[in-house]
Amino acid sequence: MRYDVWMPRPAYREAASRSEPVPFPEAYDPVGFVDASGLEAAFHAGQNTRIPWNPARPTRSVSVGDVLTAGTATWRVADAGFEPIHEVSRHLA
């Protein structure tokens, strides 16, 4: 499955990394995608452990506060695991 990876815009990065409310998709930019069998695999594939996953941003790793989307499903990378986002364009908390 393809997971699109979204990163908070600079003004929102610190807040997103602290799990403060950040509007999605308004405060995010798409930064690439990974092909994986599930969320954990997508997170792992989004790390730069072996080869860069995103040639446009080769030093970028998936981090807390980032958002993964697959089809109409959306998740925020949390401190531990993933938080589903049931309504796009709502504030994340």
N, C-alpha and C. Protein backbone atom coordinates (compact mmCIF):
# COMPACT_ATOMS: atom_id res chain seq x y z
N MET A 1 0.85 -1.17 0.00
CA MET A 1 0.00 0.00 0.00
C MET A 1 0.90 1.24 0.00
N ARG A 2 0.43 2.27 -0.66
CA ARG A 2 1.16 3.54 -0.69
C ARG A 2 0.69 4.43 0.45
N TYR A 3 1.64 4.93 1.22
CA TYR A 3 1.39 5.89 2.29
C TYR A 3 2.04 7.21 1.91
N ASP A 4 1.24 8.25 1.78
CA ASP A 4 1.78 9.59 1.56
C ASP A 4 2.22 10.15 2.90
N VAL A 5 3.34 10.83 2.91
CA VAL A 5 3.90 11.40 4.14
C VAL A 5 3.78 12.92 4.08
N TRP A 6 3.22 13.49 5.14
CA TRP A 6 3.03 14.94 5.26
C TRP A 6 3.81 15.46 6.46
N MET A 7 4.49 16.57 6.29
CA MET A 7 5.28 17.17 7.35
C MET A 7 4.66 18.52 7.74
N PRO A 8 4.62 18.82 9.03
CA PRO A 8 4.09 20.13 9.43
C PRO A 8 4.94 21.26 8.83
N ARG A 9 4.29 22.33 8.43
CA ARG A 9 5.01 23.50 7.94
C ARG A 9 5.85 24.07 9.08
N PRO A 10 6.93 24.81 8.75
CA PRO A 10 7.85 25.29 9.79
C PRO A 10 7.17 25.95 10.99
N ALA A 11 6.17 26.76 10.79
CA ALA A 11 5.52 27.45 11.91
C ALA A 11 4.80 26.49 12.85
N TYR A 12 4.51 25.27 12.41
CA TYR A 12 3.74 24.31 13.21
C TYR A 12 4.57 23.12 13.71
N ARG A 13 5.82 22.98 13.30
CA ARG A 13 6.61 21.78 13.63
C ARG A 13 6.75 21.53 15.12
N GLU A 14 7.10 22.56 15.86
CA GLU A 14 7.29 22.38 17.29
C GLU A 14 5.99 21.96 17.97
N ALA A 15 4.90 22.61 17.64
CA ALA A 15 3.61 22.27 18.23
C ALA A 15 3.20 20.84 17.88
N ALA A 16 3.40 20.44 16.62
CA ALA A 16 3.03 19.09 16.19
C ALA A 16 3.86 18.05 16.92
N SER A 17 5.13 18.32 17.15
CA SER A 17 5.99 17.35 17.84
C SER A 17 5.62 17.21 19.30
N ARG A 18 4.90 18.21 19.86
CA ARG A 18 4.43 18.15 21.24
C ARG A 18 2.97 17.71 21.33
N SER A 19 2.41 17.26 20.21
CA SER A 19 1.02 16.80 20.14
C SER A 19 0.01 17.90 20.44
N GLU A 20 0.36 19.15 20.17
CA GLU A 20 -0.59 20.25 20.31
C GLU A 20 -1.48 20.29 19.07
N PRO A 21 -2.65 20.92 19.16
CA PRO A 21 -3.56 20.98 18.00
C PRO A 21 -2.92 21.66 16.79
N VAL A 22 -2.94 20.97 15.67
CA VAL A 22 -2.41 21.49 14.40
C VAL A 22 -3.39 21.08 13.31
N PRO A 23 -3.91 22.02 12.51
CA PRO A 23 -4.90 21.67 11.49
C PRO A 23 -4.29 20.89 10.32
N PHE A 24 -4.96 19.82 9.94
CA PHE A 24 -4.55 19.04 8.77
C PHE A 24 -5.66 19.10 7.74
N PRO A 25 -5.38 19.34 6.49
CA PRO A 25 -4.06 19.45 5.84
C PRO A 25 -3.51 20.86 5.74
N GLU A 26 -4.22 21.86 6.26
CA GLU A 26 -3.82 23.25 6.07
C GLU A 26 -2.41 23.55 6.54
N ALA A 27 -1.96 22.95 7.62
CA ALA A 27 -0.65 23.26 8.21
C ALA A 27 0.44 22.27 7.80
N TYR A 28 0.17 21.44 6.79
CA TYR A 28 1.11 20.40 6.39
C TYR A 28 1.47 20.50 4.91
N ASP A 29 2.65 20.00 4.57
CA ASP A 29 3.07 19.88 3.18
C ASP A 29 3.39 18.42 2.89
N PRO A 30 3.01 17.91 1.72
CA PRO A 30 3.40 16.55 1.36
C PRO A 30 4.90 16.51 1.10
N VAL A 31 5.57 15.48 1.62
CA VAL A 31 7.03 15.40 1.45
C VAL A 31 7.48 14.14 0.73
N GLY A 32 6.56 13.23 0.43
CA GLY A 32 6.93 12.01 -0.28
C GLY A 32 5.97 10.89 0.04
N PHE A 33 6.38 9.68 -0.31
CA PHE A 33 5.55 8.51 -0.01
C PHE A 33 6.44 7.30 0.19
N VAL A 34 5.88 6.30 0.86
CA VAL A 34 6.55 5.01 1.02
C VAL A 34 5.55 3.92 0.68
N ASP A 35 6.04 2.81 0.18
CA ASP A 35 5.21 1.63 -0.05
C ASP A 35 5.48 0.67 1.09
N ALA A 36 4.42 0.24 1.78
CA ALA A 36 4.57 -0.63 2.94
C ALA A 36 3.31 -1.44 3.16
N SER A 37 3.44 -2.47 3.98
CA SER A 37 2.32 -3.37 4.25
C SER A 37 1.43 -2.90 5.40
N GLY A 38 1.83 -1.87 6.12
CA GLY A 38 1.04 -1.35 7.24
C GLY A 38 1.72 -0.13 7.82
N LEU A 39 1.11 0.45 8.85
CA LEU A 39 1.63 1.69 9.43
C LEU A 39 3.02 1.53 10.03
N GLU A 40 3.23 0.47 10.80
CA GLU A 40 4.56 0.25 11.40
C GLU A 40 5.62 0.10 10.31
N ALA A 41 5.28 -0.65 9.27
CA ALA A 41 6.22 -0.83 8.15
C ALA A 41 6.45 0.49 7.42
N ALA A 42 5.41 1.32 7.30
CA ALA A 42 5.56 2.62 6.65
C ALA A 42 6.48 3.52 7.48
N PHE A 43 6.31 3.50 8.80
CA PHE A 43 7.18 4.29 9.66
C PHE A 43 8.63 3.83 9.50
N HIS A 44 8.84 2.52 9.54
CA HIS A 44 10.19 1.98 9.40
C HIS A 44 10.78 2.34 8.03
N ALA A 45 9.97 2.21 6.97
CA ALA A 45 10.45 2.54 5.62
C ALA A 45 10.77 4.02 5.49
N GLY A 46 10.15 4.85 6.33
CA GLY A 46 10.38 6.28 6.29
C GLY A 46 11.57 6.75 7.10
N GLN A 47 12.33 5.81 7.64
CA GLN A 47 13.56 6.15 8.35
C GLN A 47 14.73 5.99 7.37
N ASN A 48 15.80 6.68 7.62
CA ASN A 48 16.96 6.59 6.74
C ASN A 48 17.99 5.62 7.31
N THR A 49 17.54 4.39 7.58
CA THR A 49 18.43 3.40 8.18
C THR A 49 19.35 2.73 7.17
N ARG A 50 18.89 2.59 5.92
CA ARG A 50 19.71 1.96 4.89
C ARG A 50 19.92 2.86 3.69
N ILE A 51 18.83 3.29 3.10
CA ILE A 51 18.91 4.16 1.93
C ILE A 51 17.87 5.25 2.08
N PRO A 52 18.10 6.42 1.50
CA PRO A 52 17.08 7.47 1.58
C PRO A 52 15.78 7.02 0.92
N TRP A 53 14.66 7.24 1.57
CA TRP A 53 13.36 6.85 1.02
C TRP A 53 12.79 7.93 0.11
N ASN A 54 13.34 9.14 0.22
CA ASN A 54 12.80 10.26 -0.55
C ASN A 54 13.97 11.01 -1.21
N PRO A 55 14.25 10.73 -2.47
CA PRO A 55 15.38 11.39 -3.13
C PRO A 55 15.30 12.92 -3.11
N ALA A 56 14.08 13.49 -3.06
CA ALA A 56 13.94 14.95 -3.02
C ALA A 56 14.40 15.53 -1.68
N ARG A 57 14.30 14.75 -0.61
CA ARG A 57 14.73 15.17 0.73
C ARG A 57 15.45 13.99 1.37
N PRO A 58 16.67 13.70 0.95
CA PRO A 58 17.35 12.46 1.36
C PRO A 58 17.67 12.33 2.84
N THR A 59 17.66 13.41 3.59
CA THR A 59 17.95 13.29 5.02
C THR A 59 16.69 13.31 5.87
N ARG A 60 15.53 13.31 5.27
CA ARG A 60 14.25 13.41 5.98
C ARG A 60 13.79 12.06 6.48
N SER A 61 13.46 11.94 7.76
CA SER A 61 12.87 10.74 8.33
C SER A 61 11.47 11.06 8.83
N VAL A 62 10.59 10.07 8.82
CA VAL A 62 9.25 10.23 9.38
C VAL A 62 9.40 10.43 10.89
N SER A 63 8.69 11.42 11.43
CA SER A 63 8.85 11.80 12.83
C SER A 63 7.50 12.01 13.51
N VAL A 64 7.54 12.11 14.84
CA VAL A 64 6.35 12.44 15.62
C VAL A 64 5.79 13.76 15.10
N GLY A 65 4.47 13.80 14.91
CA GLY A 65 3.82 14.99 14.39
C GLY A 65 3.54 14.92 12.91
N ASP A 66 4.25 14.04 12.19
CA ASP A 66 3.98 13.87 10.77
C ASP A 66 2.65 13.15 10.59
N VAL A 67 2.10 13.22 9.39
CA VAL A 67 0.84 12.55 9.07
C VAL A 67 1.07 11.60 7.91
N LEU A 68 0.48 10.40 8.02
CA LEU A 68 0.50 9.41 6.95
C LEU A 68 -0.93 9.26 6.42
N THR A 69 -1.06 9.24 5.11
CA THR A 69 -2.37 9.02 4.51
C THR A 69 -2.29 7.85 3.54
N ALA A 70 -3.37 7.09 3.47
CA ALA A 70 -3.50 5.99 2.50
C ALA A 70 -4.95 5.97 2.06
N GLY A 71 -5.18 6.32 0.81
CA GLY A 71 -6.55 6.44 0.34
C GLY A 71 -7.25 7.53 1.14
N THR A 72 -8.36 7.20 1.78
CA THR A 72 -9.09 8.18 2.59
C THR A 72 -8.74 8.09 4.08
N ALA A 73 -7.86 7.15 4.46
CA ALA A 73 -7.47 6.99 5.86
C ALA A 73 -6.28 7.91 6.18
N THR A 74 -6.30 8.47 7.39
CA THR A 74 -5.28 9.44 7.80
C THR A 74 -4.89 9.17 9.24
N TRP A 75 -3.56 9.19 9.51
CA TRP A 75 -3.04 8.97 10.86
C TRP A 75 -1.95 9.97 11.16
N ARG A 76 -1.87 10.37 12.42
CA ARG A 76 -0.78 11.20 12.92
C ARG A 76 0.21 10.30 13.63
N VAL A 77 1.50 10.51 13.38
CA VAL A 77 2.53 9.76 14.09
C VAL A 77 2.58 10.33 15.51
N ALA A 78 2.31 9.47 16.49
CA ALA A 78 2.26 9.88 17.90
C ALA A 78 3.56 9.51 18.60
N ASP A 79 3.66 9.87 19.87
CA ASP A 79 4.84 9.51 20.65
C ASP A 79 5.04 8.00 20.67
N ALA A 80 3.94 7.28 20.73
CA ALA A 80 3.98 5.82 20.68
C ALA A 80 2.82 5.37 19.80
N GLY A 81 3.12 4.95 18.60
CA GLY A 81 2.09 4.47 17.69
C GLY A 81 1.52 5.56 16.80
N PHE A 82 0.25 5.40 16.45
CA PHE A 82 -0.41 6.28 15.49
C PHE A 82 -1.80 6.63 15.99
N GLU A 83 -2.22 7.86 15.72
CA GLU A 83 -3.56 8.32 16.10
C GLU A 83 -4.37 8.51 14.83
N PRO A 84 -5.49 7.82 14.68
CA PRO A 84 -6.31 8.03 13.48
C PRO A 84 -6.92 9.42 13.47
N ILE A 85 -7.01 9.99 12.30
CA ILE A 85 -7.70 11.26 12.10
C ILE A 85 -8.97 10.92 11.35
N HIS A 86 -10.10 11.08 12.01
CA HIS A 86 -11.37 10.67 11.43
C HIS A 86 -11.94 11.70 10.47
N GLU A 87 -11.60 12.96 10.69
CA GLU A 87 -12.08 14.03 9.81
C GLU A 87 -10.89 14.87 9.37
N VAL A 88 -10.62 14.85 8.09
CA VAL A 88 -9.58 15.72 7.57
C VAL A 88 -10.06 17.14 7.74
N SER A 89 -9.16 18.06 7.97
CA SER A 89 -9.42 19.47 8.21
C SER A 89 -9.90 19.75 9.63
N ARG A 90 -9.76 18.81 10.53
CA ARG A 90 -10.05 19.11 11.94
C ARG A 90 -8.72 19.28 12.65
N HIS A 91 -8.76 19.85 13.82
CA HIS A 91 -7.52 20.02 14.60
C HIS A 91 -7.10 18.68 15.18
N LEU A 92 -5.81 18.43 15.11
CA LEU A 92 -5.27 17.23 15.73
C LEU A 92 -5.03 17.52 17.20
N ALA A 93 -5.27 16.53 18.02
CA ALA A 93 -5.00 16.70 19.45
C ALA A 93 -4.37 15.45 20.00
